[in-house]
Protein backbone atom coordinates (compact mmCIF):
# COMPACT_ATOMS: atom_id res chain seq x y z
CA MET A 1 8.81 -12.92 13.29
CA THR A 2 7.95 -12.96 9.59
CA THR A 3 4.69 -12.18 8.23
CA ASN A 4 3.97 -12.45 4.31
CA ILE A 5 1.18 -10.68 2.70
CA THR A 6 -0.08 -10.80 -1.02
CA LEU A 7 -2.61 -8.21 -1.84
CA ILE A 8 -4.41 -8.55 -5.22
CA GLY A 9 -5.19 -5.82 -7.41
CA ARG A 10 -3.37 -2.97 -9.59
CA PRO A 11 -1.19 -1.15 -7.11
CA ILE A 12 -1.81 2.40 -7.35
CA THR A 13 0.11 5.42 -5.96
CA LYS A 14 -1.50 7.70 -3.21
CA LYS A 15 0.33 10.75 -4.18
CA ASN A 16 -0.25 10.69 -7.86
CA HIS A 17 -3.75 10.15 -7.76
CA GLN A 18 -5.26 13.14 -5.88
CA GLN A 19 -8.12 15.66 -6.90
CA ILE A 20 -8.69 19.36 -5.94
CA VAL A 21 -12.52 19.56 -4.75
CA VAL A 22 -13.93 22.71 -3.94
CA SER A 23 -16.43 22.48 -1.11
CA GLY A 24 -19.87 24.06 -0.73
CA ASN A 25 -18.32 27.38 0.82
CA GLY A 26 -15.50 27.55 -1.73
CA ARG A 27 -12.64 25.96 0.35
CA ARG A 28 -10.40 23.92 -1.70
CA PHE A 29 -8.74 20.73 -0.35
CA VAL A 30 -7.08 17.48 -1.79
CA ILE A 31 -8.70 14.25 -1.75
CA GLN A 32 -7.40 11.08 -3.17
CA SER A 33 -8.28 9.90 -6.23
CA LYS A 34 -11.45 7.51 -6.85
CA ALA A 35 -9.09 4.76 -7.97
CA TYR A 36 -7.06 4.66 -5.07
CA ARG A 37 -9.71 5.18 -2.23
CA GLN A 38 -11.32 1.75 -4.40
CA TYR A 39 -7.55 0.17 -4.24
CA GLU A 40 -7.46 0.97 -0.69
CA LYS A 41 -11.05 -0.21 0.20
CA ASP A 42 -10.15 -3.25 -1.58
CA CYS A 43 -7.04 -4.18 0.15
CA LEU A 44 -8.38 -3.32 3.41
CA LYS A 45 -11.08 -6.01 2.91
CA GLN A 46 -8.32 -8.58 1.78
CA LEU A 47 -6.38 -7.81 5.09
CA MET A 48 -9.42 -7.99 7.26
CA TYR A 49 -9.60 -11.87 5.87
CA LEU A 50 -5.86 -12.13 5.36
CA TYR A 51 -4.36 -11.20 8.09
CA LYS A 52 -5.33 -12.62 11.72
CA GLY A 53 -2.26 -11.64 13.76
CA LYS A 54 -1.70 -8.87 16.49
CA THR A 55 -0.83 -5.28 15.22
CA ILE A 56 2.90 -5.20 14.62
CA GLU A 57 4.36 -2.36 17.35
CA GLY A 58 7.91 -2.17 17.21
CA GLN A 59 10.65 -1.58 14.49
CA LEU A 60 10.08 -3.65 11.24
CA SER A 61 11.59 -4.10 7.73
CA MET A 62 9.21 -4.09 4.98
CA LYS A 63 9.86 -5.60 1.49
CA CYS A 64 7.29 -5.27 -1.47
CA LEU A 65 7.52 -6.65 -4.68
CA TYR A 66 5.09 -4.99 -7.19
CA TYR A 67 3.42 -6.71 -10.11
CA MET A 68 1.90 -4.28 -12.70
CA PRO A 69 -0.61 -4.91 -15.47
CA THR A 70 1.34 -3.18 -17.55
CA LYS A 71 4.92 -1.99 -18.42
CA ALA A 72 4.18 1.77 -17.17
CA ARG A 73 6.57 2.53 -14.35
CA PRO A 74 4.98 4.39 -11.40
CA ASP A 75 6.81 5.72 -8.73
CA LEU A 76 8.21 3.01 -6.43
CA LEU A 77 8.44 5.50 -3.53
CA ASN A 78 4.89 6.29 -3.71
CA LEU A 79 3.86 2.72 -3.96
CA GLU A 80 5.55 1.51 -1.02
CA GLN A 81 4.07 4.81 1.20
CA ALA A 82 0.77 3.57 0.01
CA THR A 83 1.31 0.31 1.03
CA ALA A 84 2.44 1.43 4.38
CA ASP A 85 -0.36 3.47 5.03
CA ILE A 86 -3.02 1.06 3.96
CA LEU A 87 -1.02 -1.64 6.34
CA GLU A 88 -1.27 1.00 9.17
CA LYS A 89 -5.09 1.80 8.35
CA ALA A 90 -5.85 -1.88 8.91
CA LYS A 91 -3.63 -2.33 11.84
CA VAL A 92 -1.46 -4.72 10.64
CA ILE A 93 1.49 -2.37 11.73
CA GLU A 94 0.92 0.24 14.40
CA ASN A 95 2.66 3.17 12.76
CA ASP A 96 4.43 3.46 9.31
CA LYS A 97 7.39 5.27 11.02
CA ASN A 98 8.33 2.33 12.33
CA ILE A 99 9.53 0.68 8.94
CA TYR A 100 13.17 1.12 9.34
CA SER A 101 13.72 -0.11 6.17
CA PHE A 102 12.29 -0.86 2.59
CA ASP A 103 15.21 -3.39 1.28
CA GLY A 104 14.50 -5.44 -1.53
CA SER A 105 11.55 -3.45 -2.38
CA ARG A 106 10.97 -3.32 -6.41
CA ILE A 107 9.09 -3.22 -9.22
CA ALA A 108 9.22 -7.08 -9.68
CA GLY A 109 7.52 -7.10 -13.29
CA VAL A 110 4.46 -7.29 -15.36
CA ASP A 111 1.43 -9.75 -14.50
CA LYS A 112 -1.43 -8.75 -16.63
CA LEU A 113 -3.85 -11.45 -15.27
CA ASN A 114 -2.68 -11.09 -11.37
CA PRO A 115 -1.56 -7.51 -10.79
CA ARG A 116 -0.25 -7.49 -6.77
CA CYS A 117 1.93 -6.55 -4.14
CA GLU A 118 3.73 -9.06 -2.32
CA ILE A 119 4.78 -8.02 1.12
CA LEU A 120 7.39 -9.47 3.39
CA LEU A 121 7.29 -7.93 7.32
CA GLU A 122 9.98 -8.64 9.59
CA GLU A 123 10.07 -7.63 12.78
CA LYS A 124 13.25 -6.56 14.44
């Protein structure tokens, strides 16, 4: 079975957008940046309306085409990991460890007016 999903918005990496915060007792911990948390929230809202299928539980291949608003090149692996984490959090996929292939994923180009991530999921 094949599933196509397009997430609208500037793709943001999870790992390159982290902040160190200090709790009231002086303990330090890492959280995702405000920009990433907003991107994740926006994607989860979109998935709530876009994806009506059941959670994909088995092995799958994932191909992502990223269209960025500028020529700046983020780390592709970090973009893929952020996308996989969002799909798991939205319960589109059961676990991102079930992704056995990211074949064909790439930063496909610049689209200033419509940055997005086009996702193709294929169940094994």
